[in-house]
Amino acid sequence: MKSPKTINGILMSFSFVLLLLTGFGSIAFGKLPADDVAIKGYDTVAYFQDGKALIGKESFTFPWHGMT
């Protein structure tokens, strides 16, 4: 017979995996957010160069998996 600590560890691990899988369900099934702009129009490179979030230019976009 397994000790109560082992059983609790197994149950906690199973619960954790179950919660993770349920949380990522919308990603796994390909559900997209309401709008199709992936990062809300912000420039990802500028953040690392200037240290702050800046709105990007519309001329620099890239479609990927149904999002811009």
C-alpha atoms as a PDB file:
ATOM      1  CA  MET A   1       0.000   0.000   0.000  1.00  0.00           C
ATOM      2  CA  LYS A   2       1.314   3.431  -0.894  1.00  0.00           C
ATOM      3  CA  SER A   3       1.839   6.073   1.773  1.00  0.00           C
ATOM      4  CA  PRO A   4      -0.582   9.015   2.063  1.00  0.00           C
ATOM      5  CA  LYS A   5       2.221  11.377   0.944  1.00  0.00           C
ATOM      6  CA  THR A   6       2.672   9.442  -2.296  1.00  0.00           C
ATOM      7  CA  ILE A   7      -1.056   9.362  -2.988  1.00  0.00           C
ATOM      8  CA  ASN A   8      -1.364  13.098  -2.271  1.00  0.00           C
ATOM      9  CA  GLY A   9       1.561  13.801  -4.600  1.00  0.00           C
ATOM     10  CA  ILE A  10      -0.002  11.786  -7.397  1.00  0.00           C
ATOM     11  CA  LEU A  11      -3.383  13.499  -6.941  1.00  0.00           C
ATOM     12  CA  MET A  12      -1.796  16.961  -6.866  1.00  0.00           C
ATOM     13  CA  SER A  13       0.203  16.228 -10.007  1.00  0.00           C
ATOM     14  CA  PHE A  14      -2.868  14.924 -11.809  1.00  0.00           C
ATOM     15  CA  SER A  15      -4.881  17.994 -10.756  1.00  0.00           C
ATOM     16  CA  PHE A  16      -2.122  20.333 -11.928  1.00  0.00           C
ATOM     17  CA  VAL A  17      -1.903  18.660 -15.343  1.00  0.00           C
ATOM     18  CA  LEU A  18      -5.688  18.700 -15.668  1.00  0.00           C
ATOM     19  CA  LEU A  19      -5.824  22.437 -14.894  1.00  0.00           C
ATOM     20  CA  LEU A  20      -3.042  23.166 -17.379  1.00  0.00           C
ATOM     21  CA  LEU A  21      -4.766  21.234 -20.140  1.00  0.00           C
ATOM     22  CA  THR A  22      -8.069  22.981 -19.510  1.00  0.00           C
ATOM     23  CA  GLY A  23      -6.442  26.402 -19.483  1.00  0.00           C
ATOM     24  CA  PHE A  24      -4.754  25.837 -22.831  1.00  0.00           C
ATOM     25  CA  GLY A  25      -7.892  24.402 -24.426  1.00  0.00           C
ATOM     26  CA  SER A  26      -8.688  27.507 -26.427  1.00  0.00           C
ATOM     27  CA  ILE A  27      -5.180  27.550 -27.864  1.00  0.00           C
ATOM     28  CA  ALA A  28      -5.247  23.848 -28.660  1.00  0.00           C
ATOM     29  CA  PHE A  29      -8.519  24.098 -30.541  1.00  0.00           C
ATOM     30  CA  GLY A  30      -7.422  27.150 -32.503  1.00  0.00           C
ATOM     31  CA  LYS A  31      -9.877  29.643 -31.039  1.00  0.00           C
ATOM     32  CA  LEU A  32      -8.699  33.158 -31.767  1.00  0.00           C
ATOM     33  CA  PRO A  33      -9.247  36.269 -29.658  1.00  0.00           C
ATOM     34  CA  ALA A  34     -12.024  38.689 -30.641  1.00  0.00           C
ATOM     35  CA  ASP A  35      -9.730  40.939 -32.675  1.00  0.00           C
ATOM     36  CA  ASP A  36      -7.061  39.762 -35.086  1.00  0.00           C
ATOM     37  CA  VAL A  37      -4.192  41.983 -33.902  1.00  0.00           C
ATOM     38  CA  ALA A  38      -1.802  39.729 -31.995  1.00  0.00           C
ATOM     39  CA  ILE A  39       0.055  42.241 -29.835  1.00  0.00           C
ATOM     40  CA  LYS A  40      -2.477  45.069 -29.874  1.00  0.00           C
ATOM     41  CA  GLY A  41      -0.494  46.996 -32.469  1.00  0.00           C
ATOM     42  CA  TYR A  42       2.651  47.460 -30.376  1.00  0.00           C
ATOM     43  CA  ASP A  43       6.165  47.281 -31.805  1.00  0.00           C
ATOM     44  CA  THR A  44       7.948  44.306 -30.246  1.00  0.00           C
ATOM     45  CA  VAL A  45      11.440  45.383 -31.315  1.00  0.00           C
ATOM     46  CA  ALA A  46      11.083  48.925 -29.961  1.00  0.00           C
ATOM     47  CA  TYR A  47      10.421  47.565 -26.487  1.00  0.00           C
ATOM     48  CA  PHE A  48      13.850  45.967 -26.355  1.00  0.00           C
ATOM     49  CA  GLN A  49      15.617  48.904 -27.980  1.00  0.00           C
ATOM     50  CA  ASP A  50      13.907  51.807 -26.173  1.00  0.00           C
ATOM     51  CA  GLY A  51      12.843  50.033 -22.998  1.00  0.00           C
ATOM     52  CA  LYS A  52       9.174  51.024 -23.380  1.00  0.00           C
ATOM     53  CA  ALA A  53       6.145  49.948 -25.359  1.00  0.00           C
ATOM     54  CA  LEU A  54       5.538  51.941 -28.537  1.00  0.00           C
ATOM     55  CA  ILE A  55       2.720  51.676 -31.039  1.00  0.00           C
ATOM     56  CA  GLY A  56       3.955  50.079 -34.256  1.00  0.00           C
ATOM     57  CA  LYS A  57       3.467  51.254 -37.814  1.00  0.00           C
ATOM     58  CA  GLU A  58       0.726  49.676 -39.893  1.00  0.00           C
ATOM     59  CA  SER A  59       3.086  49.325 -42.828  1.00  0.00           C
ATOM     60  CA  PHE A  60       5.120  46.748 -40.857  1.00  0.00           C
ATOM     61  CA  THR A  61       2.707  43.864 -40.312  1.00  0.00           C
ATOM     62  CA  PHE A  62       2.906  40.128 -40.800  1.00  0.00           C
ATOM     63  CA  PRO A  63      -0.016  37.691 -41.037  1.00  0.00           C
ATOM     64  CA  TRP A  64       0.495  34.501 -39.025  1.00  0.00           C
ATOM     65  CA  HIS A  65      -2.086  31.847 -38.086  1.00  0.00           C
ATOM     66  CA  GLY A  66      -4.988  34.139 -38.899  1.00  0.00           C
ATOM     67  CA  MET A  67      -3.672  37.042 -36.868  1.00  0.00           C
ATOM     68  CA  THR A  68      -1.782  40.179 -37.823  1.00  0.00           C
END
